PDB file of N, CA and C in Angstrom:
ATOM      1  N   MET A   1     -24.927   7.866 -29.885  1.00  0.00           N
ATOM      2  CA  MET A   1     -25.571   7.742 -28.596  1.00  0.00           C
ATOM      3  C   MET A   1     -24.553   7.215 -27.585  1.00  0.00           C
ATOM      4  N   ALA A   2     -24.586   7.720 -26.403  1.00  0.00           N
ATOM      5  CA  ALA A   2     -23.646   7.315 -25.347  1.00  0.00           C
ATOM      6  C   ALA A   2     -23.957   5.904 -24.865  1.00  0.00           C
ATOM      7  N   GLU A   3     -22.883   5.185 -24.525  1.00  0.00           N
ATOM      8  CA  GLU A   3     -23.027   3.820 -24.015  1.00  0.00           C
ATOM      9  C   GLU A   3     -23.576   3.858 -22.592  1.00  0.00           C
ATOM     10  N   GLU A   4     -24.583   3.033 -22.327  1.00  0.00           N
ATOM     11  CA  GLU A   4     -25.154   2.964 -20.980  1.00  0.00           C
ATOM     12  C   GLU A   4     -24.280   2.069 -20.109  1.00  0.00           C
ATOM     13  N   ARG A   5     -23.932   2.547 -18.939  1.00  0.00           N
ATOM     14  CA  ARG A   5     -23.109   1.768 -18.019  1.00  0.00           C
ATOM     15  C   ARG A   5     -24.013   1.121 -16.974  1.00  0.00           C
ATOM     16  N   ILE A   6     -23.746  -0.149 -16.713  1.00  0.00           N
ATOM     17  CA  ILE A   6     -24.519  -0.892 -15.730  1.00  0.00           C
ATOM     18  C   ILE A   6     -23.579  -1.327 -14.620  1.00  0.00           C
ATOM     19  N   TYR A   7     -24.035  -1.182 -13.384  1.00  0.00           N
ATOM     20  CA  TYR A   7     -23.197  -1.466 -12.226  1.00  0.00           C
ATOM     21  C   TYR A   7     -23.826  -2.526 -11.336  1.00  0.00           C
ATOM     22  N   ASN A   8     -22.962  -3.238 -10.612  1.00  0.00           N
ATOM     23  CA  ASN A   8     -23.382  -4.184  -9.580  1.00  0.00           C
ATOM     24  C   ASN A   8     -23.174  -3.546  -8.219  1.00  0.00           C
ATOM     25  N   SER A   9     -24.054  -3.808  -7.305  1.00  0.00           N
ATOM     26  CA  SER A   9     -23.884  -3.411  -5.912  1.00  0.00           C
ATOM     27  C   SER A   9     -23.812  -4.691  -5.093  1.00  0.00           C
ATOM     28  N   THR A  10     -22.675  -4.897  -4.420  1.00  0.00           N
ATOM     29  CA  THR A  10     -22.437  -6.120  -3.662  1.00  0.00           C
ATOM     30  C   THR A  10     -22.043  -5.762  -2.242  1.00  0.00           C
ATOM     31  N   VAL A  11     -22.559  -6.484  -1.270  1.00  0.00           N
ATOM     32  CA  VAL A  11     -22.155  -6.305   0.129  1.00  0.00           C
ATOM     33  C   VAL A  11     -21.258  -7.481   0.496  1.00  0.00           C
ATOM     34  N   LEU A  12     -20.038  -7.162   0.968  1.00  0.00           N
ATOM     35  CA  LEU A  12     -19.065  -8.184   1.355  1.00  0.00           C
ATOM     36  C   LEU A  12     -18.760  -8.075   2.839  1.00  0.00           C
ATOM     37  N   PRO A  13     -18.554  -9.202   3.510  1.00  0.00           N
ATOM     38  CA  PRO A  13     -18.143  -9.145   4.918  1.00  0.00           C
ATOM     39  C   PRO A  13     -16.724  -8.596   5.022  1.00  0.00           C
ATOM     40  N   SER A  14     -16.488  -7.805   6.073  1.00  0.00           N
ATOM     41  CA  SER A  14     -15.155  -7.243   6.300  1.00  0.00           C
ATOM     42  C   SER A  14     -14.862  -7.253   7.794  1.00  0.00           C
ATOM     43  N   ARG A  15     -13.657  -6.854   8.144  1.00  0.00           N
ATOM     44  CA  ARG A  15     -13.274  -6.810   9.565  1.00  0.00           C
ATOM     45  C   ARG A  15     -14.189  -5.897  10.364  1.00  0.00           C
ATOM     46  N   ASN A  16     -14.663  -4.850   9.737  1.00  0.00           N
ATOM     47  CA  ASN A  16     -15.497  -3.864  10.428  1.00  0.00           C
ATOM     48  C   ASN A  16     -16.985  -4.082  10.182  1.00  0.00           C
ATOM     49  N   GLY A  17     -17.373  -5.293   9.856  1.00  0.00           N
ATOM     50  CA  GLY A  17     -18.787  -5.580   9.613  1.00  0.00           C
ATOM     51  C   GLY A  17     -19.027  -5.959   8.174  1.00  0.00           C
ATOM     52  N   ALA A  18     -19.475  -5.005   7.376  1.00  0.00           N
ATOM     53  CA  ALA A  18     -19.746  -5.251   5.963  1.00  0.00           C
ATOM     54  C   ALA A  18     -19.448  -3.979   5.179  1.00  0.00           C
ATOM     55  N   VAL A  19     -19.114  -4.155   3.913  1.00  0.00           N
ATOM     56  CA  VAL A  19     -18.821  -3.015   3.054  1.00  0.00           C
ATOM     57  C   VAL A  19     -19.587  -3.187   1.745  1.00  0.00           C
ATOM     58  N   GLN A  20     -20.169  -2.085   1.268  1.00  0.00           N
ATOM     59  CA  GLN A  20     -20.866  -2.108  -0.010  1.00  0.00           C
ATOM     60  C   GLN A  20     -19.869  -1.726  -1.098  1.00  0.00           C
ATOM     61  N   VAL A  21     -19.822  -2.544  -2.144  1.00  0.00           N
ATOM     62  CA  VAL A  21     -18.911  -2.308  -3.255  1.00  0.00           C
ATOM     63  C   VAL A  21     -19.745  -2.147  -4.519  1.00  0.00           C
ATOM     64  N   ILE A  22     -19.524  -1.052  -5.237  1.00  0.00           N
ATOM     65  CA  ILE A  22     -20.216  -0.813  -6.499  1.00  0.00           C
ATOM     66  C   ILE A  22     -19.176  -0.898  -7.606  1.00  0.00           C
ATOM     67  N   THR A  23     -19.396  -1.818  -8.540  1.00  0.00           N
ATOM     68  CA  THR A  23     -18.443  -2.051  -9.621  1.00  0.00           C
ATOM     69  C   THR A  23     -19.171  -2.105 -10.957  1.00  0.00           C
ATOM     70  N   PRO A  24     -18.441  -1.868 -12.056  1.00  0.00           N
ATOM     71  CA  PRO A  24     -19.055  -2.103 -13.362  1.00  0.00           C
ATOM     72  C   PRO A  24     -19.518  -3.557 -13.458  1.00  0.00           C
ATOM     73  N   GLU A  25     -20.533  -3.791 -14.258  1.00  0.00           N
ATOM     74  CA  GLU A  25     -21.177  -5.103 -14.336  1.00  0.00           C
ATOM     75  C   GLU A  25     -20.214  -6.242 -14.669  1.00  0.00           C
ATOM     76  N   LYS A  26     -19.170  -5.956 -15.438  1.00  0.00           N
ATOM     77  CA  LYS A  26     -18.266  -7.039 -15.849  1.00  0.00           C
ATOM     78  C   LYS A  26     -17.431  -7.603 -14.699  1.00  0.00           C
ATOM     79  N   TYR A  27     -17.362  -6.895 -13.561  1.00  0.00           N
ATOM     80  CA  TYR A  27     -16.595  -7.372 -12.413  1.00  0.00           C
ATOM     81  C   TYR A  27     -17.527  -7.957 -11.354  1.00  0.00           C
ATOM     82  N   GLN A  28     -17.195  -9.149 -10.865  1.00  0.00           N
ATOM     83  CA  GLN A  28     -17.950  -9.780  -9.780  1.00  0.00           C
ATOM     84  C   GLN A  28     -17.087  -9.755  -8.521  1.00  0.00           C
ATOM     85  N   PRO A  29     -17.380  -8.881  -7.563  1.00  0.00           N
ATOM     86  CA  PRO A  29     -16.610  -8.862  -6.313  1.00  0.00           C
ATOM     87  C   PRO A  29     -16.715 -10.204  -5.594  1.00  0.00           C
ATOM     88  N   GLN A  30     -15.574 -10.715  -5.089  1.00  0.00           N
ATOM     89  CA  GLN A  30     -15.518 -12.022  -4.441  1.00  0.00           C
ATOM     90  C   GLN A  30     -15.325 -11.927  -2.932  1.00  0.00           C
ATOM     91  N   ARG A  31     -14.321 -11.134  -2.511  1.00  0.00           N
ATOM     92  CA  ARG A  31     -14.002 -11.060  -1.081  1.00  0.00           C
ATOM     93  C   ARG A  31     -13.156  -9.826  -0.808  1.00  0.00           C
ATOM     94  N   VAL A  32     -13.117  -9.437   0.469  1.00  0.00           N
ATOM     95  CA  VAL A  32     -12.241  -8.348   0.910  1.00  0.00           C
ATOM     96  C   VAL A  32     -10.850  -8.938   1.124  1.00  0.00           C
ATOM     97  N   ILE A  33      -9.842  -8.353   0.492  1.00  0.00           N
ATOM     98  CA  ILE A  33      -8.462  -8.795   0.668  1.00  0.00           C
ATOM     99  C   ILE A  33      -7.848  -8.114   1.882  1.00  0.00           C
ATOM    100  N   ASN A  34      -8.032  -6.785   1.964  1.00  0.00           N
ATOM    101  CA  ASN A  34      -7.444  -6.028   3.063  1.00  0.00           C
ATOM    102  C   ASN A  34      -8.148  -4.687   3.208  1.00  0.00           C
ATOM    103  N   GLU A  35      -8.052  -4.127   4.405  1.00  0.00           N
ATOM    104  CA  GLU A  35      -8.595  -2.799   4.699  1.00  0.00           C
ATOM    105  C   GLU A  35      -7.509  -1.982   5.370  1.00  0.00           C
ATOM    106  N   GLY A  36      -7.509  -0.691   5.110  1.00  0.00           N
ATOM    107  CA  GLY A  36      -6.524   0.166   5.746  1.00  0.00           C
ATOM    108  C   GLY A  36      -7.007   1.597   5.801  1.00  0.00           C
ATOM    109  N   SER A  37      -6.106   2.491   6.142  1.00  0.00           N
ATOM    110  CA  SER A  37      -6.472   3.898   6.303  1.00  0.00           C
ATOM    111  C   SER A  37      -6.836   4.554   4.974  1.00  0.00           C
ATOM    112  N   GLN A  38      -6.283   4.068   3.858  1.00  0.00           N
ATOM    113  CA  GLN A  38      -6.582   4.657   2.551  1.00  0.00           C
ATOM    114  C   GLN A  38      -7.865   4.121   1.933  1.00  0.00           C
ATOM    115  N   GLY A  39      -8.263   2.911   2.330  1.00  0.00           N
ATOM    116  CA  GLY A  39      -9.458   2.331   1.735  1.00  0.00           C
ATOM    117  C   GLY A  39      -9.497   0.835   1.905  1.00  0.00           C
ATOM    118  N   ILE A  40     -10.082   0.169   0.928  1.00  0.00           N
ATOM    119  CA  ILE A  40     -10.275  -1.278   1.002  1.00  0.00           C
ATOM    120  C   ILE A  40      -9.889  -1.895  -0.340  1.00  0.00           C
ATOM    121  N   VAL A  41      -9.303  -3.093  -0.297  1.00  0.00           N
ATOM    122  CA  VAL A  41      -8.928  -3.820  -1.510  1.00  0.00           C
ATOM    123  C   VAL A  41      -9.772  -5.086  -1.570  1.00  0.00           C
ATOM    124  N   ILE A  42     -10.421  -5.288  -2.709  1.00  0.00           N
ATOM    125  CA  ILE A  42     -11.249  -6.476  -2.879  1.00  0.00           C
ATOM    126  C   ILE A  42     -10.734  -7.312  -4.048  1.00  0.00           C
ATOM    127  N   GLU A  43     -10.987  -8.604  -3.964  1.00  0.00           N
ATOM    128  CA  GLU A  43     -10.720  -9.500  -5.090  1.00  0.00           C
ATOM    129  C   GLU A  43     -11.991  -9.563  -5.916  1.00  0.00           C
ATOM    130  N   ALA A  44     -11.844  -9.495  -7.234  1.00  0.00           N
ATOM    131  CA  ALA A  44     -12.998  -9.570  -8.124  1.00  0.00           C
ATOM    132  C   ALA A  44     -12.671 -10.469  -9.309  1.00  0.00           C
ATOM    133  N   TRP A  45     -13.707 -10.917  -9.985  1.00  0.00           N
ATOM    134  CA  TRP A  45     -13.560 -11.730 -11.177  1.00  0.00           C
ATOM    135  C   TRP A  45     -13.994 -10.893 -12.377  1.00  0.00           C
ATOM    136  N   ASP A  46     -13.093 -10.778 -13.367  1.00  0.00           N
ATOM    137  CA  ASP A  46     -13.377 -10.063 -14.610  1.00  0.00           C
ATOM    138  C   ASP A  46     -14.029 -11.065 -15.564  1.00  0.00           C
ATOM    139  N   GLN A  47     -15.333 -10.923 -15.781  1.00  0.00           N
ATOM    140  CA  GLN A  47     -16.078 -11.882 -16.597  1.00  0.00           C
ATOM    141  C   GLN A  47     -15.725 -11.802 -18.080  1.00  0.00           C
ATOM    142  N   ILE A  48     -15.280 -10.647 -18.538  1.00  0.00           N
ATOM    143  CA  ILE A  48     -14.946 -10.473 -19.953  1.00  0.00           C
ATOM    144  C   ILE A  48     -13.601 -11.119 -20.279  1.00  0.00           C
ATOM    145  N   ASN A  49     -12.594 -10.857 -19.433  1.00  0.00           N
ATOM    146  CA  ASN A  49     -11.241 -11.356 -19.681  1.00  0.00           C
ATOM    147  C   ASN A  49     -10.925 -12.645 -18.929  1.00  0.00           C
ATOM    148  N   ALA A  50     -11.887 -13.173 -18.178  1.00  0.00           N
ATOM    149  CA  ALA A  50     -11.743 -14.428 -17.429  1.00  0.00           C
ATOM    150  C   ALA A  50     -10.473 -14.449 -16.585  1.00  0.00           C
ATOM    151  N   ARG A  51     -10.376 -13.467 -15.677  1.00  0.00           N
ATOM    152  CA  ARG A  51      -9.215 -13.423 -14.779  1.00  0.00           C
ATOM    153  C   ARG A  51      -9.588 -12.771 -13.460  1.00  0.00           C
ATOM    154  N   ARG A  52      -8.794 -13.111 -12.421  1.00  0.00           N
ATOM    155  CA  ARG A  52      -8.955 -12.475 -11.115  1.00  0.00           C
ATOM    156  C   ARG A  52      -8.207 -11.150 -11.144  1.00  0.00           C
ATOM    157  N   LEU A  53      -8.706 -10.203 -10.372  1.00  0.00           N
ATOM    158  CA  LEU A  53      -8.014  -8.930 -10.234  1.00  0.00           C
ATOM    159  C   LEU A  53      -8.338  -8.312  -8.889  1.00  0.00           C
ATOM    160  N   ALA A  54      -7.580  -7.298  -8.545  1.00  0.00           N
ATOM    161  CA  ALA A  54      -7.807  -6.572  -7.293  1.00  0.00           C
ATOM    162  C   ALA A  54      -8.349  -5.192  -7.626  1.00  0.00           C
ATOM    163  N   ILE A  55      -9.323  -4.760  -6.851  1.00  0.00           N
ATOM    164  CA  ILE A  55      -9.897  -3.421  -6.995  1.00  0.00           C
ATOM    165  C   ILE A  55      -9.697  -2.701  -5.674  1.00  0.00           C
ATOM    166  N   LYS A  56      -9.133  -1.505  -5.740  1.00  0.00           N
ATOM    167  CA  LYS A  56      -8.913  -0.707  -4.540  1.00  0.00           C
ATOM    168  C   LYS A  56      -9.976   0.389  -4.497  1.00  0.00           C
ATOM    169  N   LYS A  57     -10.790   0.368  -3.453  1.00  0.00           N
ATOM    170  CA  LYS A  57     -11.818   1.389  -3.243  1.00  0.00           C
ATOM    171  C   LYS A  57     -11.241   2.388  -2.250  1.00  0.00           C
ATOM    172  N   LEU A  58     -10.956   3.588  -2.718  1.00  0.00           N
ATOM    173  CA  LEU A  58     -10.300   4.596  -1.895  1.00  0.00           C
ATOM    174  C   LEU A  58     -11.296   5.394  -1.076  1.00  0.00           C
ATOM    175  N   LYS A  59     -10.838   5.797   0.102  1.00  0.00           N
ATOM    176  CA  LYS A  59     -11.604   6.763   0.892  1.00  0.00           C
ATOM    177  C   LYS A  59     -11.371   8.118   0.251  1.00  0.00           C
ATOM    178  N   ASP A  60     -11.694   9.176   0.888  1.00  0.00           N
ATOM    179  CA  ASP A  60     -11.592  10.515   0.312  1.00  0.00           C
ATOM    180  C   ASP A  60     -10.143  10.849  -0.046  1.00  0.00           C
ATOM    181  N   VAL A  61      -9.776  10.576  -1.295  1.00  0.00           N
ATOM    182  CA  VAL A  61      -8.404  10.772  -1.759  1.00  0.00           C
ATOM    183  C   VAL A  61      -8.008  12.249  -1.775  1.00  0.00           C
ATOM    184  N   PHE A  62      -8.962  13.155  -1.865  1.00  0.00           N
ATOM    185  CA  PHE A  62      -8.657  14.575  -1.940  1.00  0.00           C
ATOM    186  C   PHE A  62      -8.546  15.237  -0.570  1.00  0.00           C
ATOM    187  N   ALA A  63      -8.778  14.479   0.494  1.00  0.00           N
ATOM    188  CA  ALA A  63      -8.749  15.052   1.845  1.00  0.00           C
ATOM    189  C   ALA A  63      -7.336  15.419   2.283  1.00  0.00           C
ATOM    190  N   ALA A  64      -6.356  14.611   1.928  1.00  0.00           N
ATOM    191  CA  ALA A  64      -4.978  14.857   2.363  1.00  0.00           C
ATOM    192  C   ALA A  64      -4.150  15.391   1.202  1.00  0.00           C
ATOM    193  N   GLN A  65      -3.295  16.343   1.507  1.00  0.00           N
ATOM    194  CA  GLN A  65      -2.408  16.887   0.489  1.00  0.00           C
ATOM    195  C   GLN A  65      -1.480  15.774   0.006  1.00  0.00           C
ATOM    196  N   GLY A  66      -1.309  15.650  -1.268  1.00  0.00           N
ATOM    197  CA  GLY A  66      -0.465  14.603  -1.824  1.00  0.00           C
ATOM    198  C   GLY A  66      -1.196  13.307  -2.092  1.00  0.00           C
ATOM    199  N   GLY A  67      -2.439  13.222  -1.687  1.00  0.00           N
ATOM    200  CA  GLY A  67      -3.210  11.995  -1.875  1.00  0.00           C
ATOM    201  C   GLY A  67      -3.408  11.636  -3.333  1.00  0.00           C
ATOM    202  N   VAL A  68      -3.674  12.623  -4.158  1.00  0.00           N
ATOM    203  CA  VAL A  68      -3.893  12.379  -5.578  1.00  0.00           C
ATOM    204  C   VAL A  68      -2.612  11.880  -6.234  1.00  0.00           C
ATOM    205  N   LYS A  69      -1.474  12.504  -5.897  1.00  0.00           N
ATOM    206  CA  LYS A  69      -0.189  12.069  -6.466  1.00  0.00           C
ATOM    207  C   LYS A  69       0.122  10.633  -6.075  1.00  0.00           C
ATOM    208  N   GLN A  70      -0.114  10.302  -4.819  1.00  0.00           N
ATOM    209  CA  GLN A  70       0.161   8.946  -4.346  1.00  0.00           C
ATOM    210  C   GLN A  70      -0.713   7.934  -5.081  1.00  0.00           C
ATOM    211  N   CYS A  71      -1.983   8.240  -5.258  1.00  0.00           N
ATOM    212  CA  CYS A  71      -2.882   7.333  -5.975  1.00  0.00           C
ATOM    213  C   CYS A  71      -2.436   7.154  -7.420  1.00  0.00           C
ATOM    214  N   TYR A  72      -2.037   8.247  -8.054  1.00  0.00           N
ATOM    215  CA  TYR A  72      -1.573   8.169  -9.441  1.00  0.00           C
ATOM    216  C   TYR A  72      -0.362   7.252  -9.547  1.00  0.00           C
ATOM    217  N   ARG A  73       0.586   7.417  -8.625  1.00  0.00           N
ATOM    218  CA  ARG A  73       1.785   6.561  -8.633  1.00  0.00           C
ATOM    219  C   ARG A  73       1.402   5.091  -8.466  1.00  0.00           C
ATOM    220  N   GLU A  74       0.482   4.810  -7.550  1.00  0.00           N
ATOM    221  CA  GLU A  74       0.034   3.428  -7.340  1.00  0.00           C
ATOM    222  C   GLU A  74      -0.616   2.860  -8.596  1.00  0.00           C
ATOM    223  N   PHE A  75      -1.421   3.656  -9.282  1.00  0.00           N
ATOM    224  CA  PHE A  75      -2.078   3.182 -10.499  1.00  0.00           C
ATOM    225  C   PHE A  75      -1.055   2.858 -11.582  1.00  0.00           C
ATOM    226  N   VAL A  76      -0.079   3.748 -11.753  1.00  0.00           N
ATOM    227  CA  VAL A  76       0.953   3.530 -12.774  1.00  0.00           C
ATOM    228  C   VAL A  76       1.762   2.280 -12.458  1.00  0.00           C
ATOM    229  N   LEU A  77       2.204   2.152 -11.210  1.00  0.00           N
ATOM    230  CA  LEU A  77       2.988   0.975 -10.825  1.00  0.00           C
ATOM    231  C   LEU A  77       2.156  -0.302 -10.892  1.00  0.00           C
ATOM    232  N   GLY A  78       0.935  -0.232 -10.435  1.00  0.00           N
ATOM    233  CA  GLY A  78       0.068  -1.410 -10.462  1.00  0.00           C
ATOM    234  C   GLY A  78      -0.216  -1.896 -11.874  1.00  0.00           C
ATOM    235  N   ALA A  79      -0.378  -0.965 -12.801  1.00  0.00           N
ATOM    236  CA  ALA A  79      -0.639  -1.343 -14.190  1.00  0.00           C
ATOM    237  C   ALA A  79       0.574  -2.004 -14.833  1.00  0.00           C
ATOM    238  N   ALA A  80       1.767  -1.683 -14.339  1.00  0.00           N
ATOM    239  CA  ALA A  80       3.001  -2.238 -14.906  1.00  0.00           C
ATOM    240  C   ALA A  80       3.325  -3.633 -14.371  1.00  0.00           C
ATOM    241  N   VAL A  81       2.707  -4.028 -13.265  1.00  0.00           N
ATOM    242  CA  VAL A  81       3.021  -5.314 -12.629  1.00  0.00           C
ATOM    243  C   VAL A  81       2.211  -6.432 -13.278  1.00  0.00           C
ATOM    244  N   GLN A  82       2.891  -7.476 -13.687  1.00  0.00           N
ATOM    245  CA  GLN A  82       2.241  -8.672 -14.227  1.00  0.00           C
ATOM    246  C   GLN A  82       2.684  -9.862 -13.386  1.00  0.00           C
ATOM    247  N   HIS A  83       1.751 -10.498 -12.686  1.00  0.00           N
ATOM    248  CA  HIS A  83       2.091 -11.660 -11.871  1.00  0.00           C
ATOM    249  C   HIS A  83       0.893 -12.598 -11.778  1.00  0.00           C
ATOM    250  N   ASP A  84       1.144 -13.815 -11.324  1.00  0.00           N
ATOM    251  CA  ASP A  84       0.090 -14.831 -11.258  1.00  0.00           C
ATOM    252  C   ASP A  84      -0.889 -14.621 -10.118  1.00  0.00           C
ATOM    253  N   ASN A  85      -0.505 -13.894  -9.083  1.00  0.00           N
ATOM    254  CA  ASN A  85      -1.387 -13.675  -7.934  1.00  0.00           C
ATOM    255  C   ASN A  85      -2.313 -12.546  -8.255  1.00  0.00           C
TER     256      ASN A  85
END
């Protein structure tokens, strides 16, 4: 039987008013870190691994040519970075 996924829906204040963030249940969104043309970055708490992390919510990544490649590169580089912040 397939595992049922449960999600949280959280509204966070942002520069442009408020943003709705939908995350898997294990992540608790805390605050908006930054907003830009590609999307929004939020700080969240990973309840399973007891650590802070950043989640990037992208706007329409398929709208611009090369957008998918750029996102892939960011994911690969981001996964390789280990730091205290």
